[in-house]
């Protein structure tokens, strides 16, 4: 299978399948949505993705291994998630 998402760093078969299931089929789709919203879409769909998927998507967008994303950037991603969750509670 020629899957554009699987050609991106960090994204394998399962993560690509999850992204496809939520309507993300290309690198441009992923860039347009961003890591936080793509991760939220996967989680909202019921897939049991860990935060590693969030970091893997961000790394794919940055073309770096997810472990090489600076801690400050990971913290910023988590703050974005927390802020969205807080808004949804209200």
C-alpha atoms as a PDB file:
ATOM      1  CA  UNK A   1       0.000   0.000   0.000  1.00  0.00           C
ATOM      2  CA  UNK A   2       1.303   3.447  -0.938  1.00  0.00           C
ATOM      3  CA  UNK A   3       0.258   5.507   2.082  1.00  0.00           C
ATOM      4  CA  UNK A   4       1.566   9.062   2.238  1.00  0.00           C
ATOM      5  CA  UNK A   5       1.113   9.216   6.012  1.00  0.00           C
ATOM      6  CA  UNK A   6       3.310   6.165   6.565  1.00  0.00           C
ATOM      7  CA  UNK A   7       6.097   7.919   4.679  1.00  0.00           C
ATOM      8  CA  UNK A   8       6.218  10.567   7.410  1.00  0.00           C
ATOM      9  CA  UNK A   9       8.623  10.132  10.300  1.00  0.00           C
ATOM     10  CA  UNK A  10       7.065   8.417  13.372  1.00  0.00           C
ATOM     11  CA  UNK A  11       3.840   7.287  11.695  1.00  0.00           C
ATOM     12  CA  UNK A  12       3.343   3.579  11.149  1.00  0.00           C
ATOM     13  CA  UNK A  13       0.504   1.407   9.969  1.00  0.00           C
ATOM     14  CA  UNK A  14      -1.720   1.731  13.045  1.00  0.00           C
ATOM     15  CA  UNK A  15      -1.354   5.481  13.456  1.00  0.00           C
ATOM     16  CA  UNK A  16      -1.984   5.962   9.727  1.00  0.00           C
ATOM     17  CA  UNK A  17      -5.122   3.794   9.961  1.00  0.00           C
ATOM     18  CA  UNK A  18      -6.393   5.855  12.891  1.00  0.00           C
ATOM     19  CA  UNK A  19      -5.729   9.088  11.023  1.00  0.00           C
ATOM     20  CA  UNK A  20      -7.481   7.769   7.915  1.00  0.00           C
ATOM     21  CA  UNK A  21     -10.479   6.797  10.065  1.00  0.00           C
ATOM     22  CA  UNK A  22     -10.888  10.433  11.134  1.00  0.00           C
ATOM     23  CA  UNK A  23     -10.537  11.819   7.617  1.00  0.00           C
ATOM     24  CA  UNK A  24      -6.829  12.625   7.533  1.00  0.00           C
ATOM     25  CA  UNK A  25      -5.349  11.105   4.386  1.00  0.00           C
ATOM     26  CA  UNK A  26      -2.322  13.198   3.494  1.00  0.00           C
ATOM     27  CA  UNK A  27       0.507  15.227   4.953  1.00  0.00           C
ATOM     28  CA  UNK A  28      -1.305  18.395   3.904  1.00  0.00           C
ATOM     29  CA  UNK A  29      -4.446  17.243   5.768  1.00  0.00           C
ATOM     30  CA  UNK A  30      -2.283  16.668   8.834  1.00  0.00           C
ATOM     31  CA  UNK A  31      -0.580  20.071   8.532  1.00  0.00           C
ATOM     32  CA  UNK A  32      -3.918  21.812   8.074  1.00  0.00           C
ATOM     33  CA  UNK A  33      -5.359  20.235  11.229  1.00  0.00           C
ATOM     34  CA  UNK A  34      -2.234  20.281  13.379  1.00  0.00           C
ATOM     35  CA  UNK A  35      -1.006  17.779  15.934  1.00  0.00           C
ATOM     36  CA  UNK A  36      -3.395  18.631  18.764  1.00  0.00           C
ATOM     37  CA  UNK A  37      -6.581  18.548  16.693  1.00  0.00           C
ATOM     38  CA  UNK A  38      -5.501  15.413  14.823  1.00  0.00           C
ATOM     39  CA  UNK A  39      -4.752  13.674  18.136  1.00  0.00           C
ATOM     40  CA  UNK A  40      -8.076  14.825  19.587  1.00  0.00           C
ATOM     41  CA  UNK A  41      -9.930  13.533  16.520  1.00  0.00           C
ATOM     42  CA  UNK A  42      -8.346  10.098  16.959  1.00  0.00           C
ATOM     43  CA  UNK A  43      -9.147  10.007  20.685  1.00  0.00           C
ATOM     44  CA  UNK A  44     -12.700  11.277  20.125  1.00  0.00           C
ATOM     45  CA  UNK A  45     -13.269   8.481  17.631  1.00  0.00           C
ATOM     46  CA  UNK A  46     -12.578   6.043  20.478  1.00  0.00           C
ATOM     47  CA  UNK A  47      -9.096   4.869  19.600  1.00  0.00           C
ATOM     48  CA  UNK A  48      -6.956   4.299  22.695  1.00  0.00           C
ATOM     49  CA  UNK A  49      -4.030   6.410  21.582  1.00  0.00           C
ATOM     50  CA  UNK A  50      -1.492   7.527  24.152  1.00  0.00           C
ATOM     51  CA  UNK A  51       0.258  10.881  24.259  1.00  0.00           C
ATOM     52  CA  UNK A  52       3.021   9.283  22.219  1.00  0.00           C
ATOM     53  CA  UNK A  53       0.702   9.626  19.210  1.00  0.00           C
ATOM     54  CA  UNK A  54       0.417  13.355  19.878  1.00  0.00           C
ATOM     55  CA  UNK A  55       4.199  13.657  19.951  1.00  0.00           C
ATOM     56  CA  UNK A  56       4.574  11.347  16.937  1.00  0.00           C
ATOM     57  CA  UNK A  57       2.245  13.554  14.891  1.00  0.00           C
ATOM     58  CA  UNK A  58       4.082  16.697  15.963  1.00  0.00           C
ATOM     59  CA  UNK A  59       7.381  15.019  15.116  1.00  0.00           C
ATOM     60  CA  UNK A  60       6.013  13.998  11.715  1.00  0.00           C
ATOM     61  CA  UNK A  61       5.079  17.616  11.058  1.00  0.00           C
ATOM     62  CA  UNK A  62       8.534  18.770  12.182  1.00  0.00           C
ATOM     63  CA  UNK A  63      10.331  15.849  10.453  1.00  0.00           C
ATOM     64  CA  UNK A  64      12.035  14.783  13.681  1.00  0.00           C
ATOM     65  CA  UNK A  65      11.786  11.697  15.868  1.00  0.00           C
ATOM     66  CA  UNK A  66       9.141  12.278  18.534  1.00  0.00           C
ATOM     67  CA  UNK A  67      11.736  11.753  21.287  1.00  0.00           C
ATOM     68  CA  UNK A  68      13.724  14.692  19.893  1.00  0.00           C
ATOM     69  CA  UNK A  69      10.893  17.188  20.305  1.00  0.00           C
ATOM     70  CA  UNK A  70      11.979  19.671  22.979  1.00  0.00           C
ATOM     71  CA  UNK A  71      10.303  19.243  26.370  1.00  0.00           C
ATOM     72  CA  UNK A  72       8.991  22.813  26.138  1.00  0.00           C
ATOM     73  CA  UNK A  73       7.142  21.968  22.904  1.00  0.00           C
ATOM     74  CA  UNK A  74       5.659  18.812  24.426  1.00  0.00           C
ATOM     75  CA  UNK A  75       4.514  20.875  27.408  1.00  0.00           C
ATOM     76  CA  UNK A  76       2.932  23.433  25.064  1.00  0.00           C
ATOM     77  CA  UNK A  77       1.033  20.652  23.259  1.00  0.00           C
ATOM     78  CA  UNK A  78      -0.219  19.315  26.599  1.00  0.00           C
ATOM     79  CA  UNK A  79      -1.301  22.805  27.670  1.00  0.00           C
ATOM     80  CA  UNK A  80      -3.283  23.141  24.441  1.00  0.00           C
ATOM     81  CA  UNK A  81      -5.030  19.847  25.150  1.00  0.00           C
ATOM     82  CA  UNK A  82      -5.758  20.879  28.737  1.00  0.00           C
ATOM     83  CA  UNK A  83      -7.170  24.237  27.627  1.00  0.00           C
ATOM     84  CA  UNK A  84      -9.514  22.570  25.138  1.00  0.00           C
ATOM     85  CA  UNK A  85     -10.666  20.073  27.765  1.00  0.00           C
ATOM     86  CA  UNK A  86     -11.299  22.895  30.248  1.00  0.00           C
ATOM     87  CA  UNK A  87     -13.370  24.829  27.677  1.00  0.00           C
ATOM     88  CA  UNK A  88     -15.437  21.753  26.917  1.00  0.00           C
ATOM     89  CA  UNK A  89     -16.257  21.266  30.609  1.00  0.00           C
ATOM     90  CA  UNK A  90     -17.778  24.754  30.816  1.00  0.00           C
END
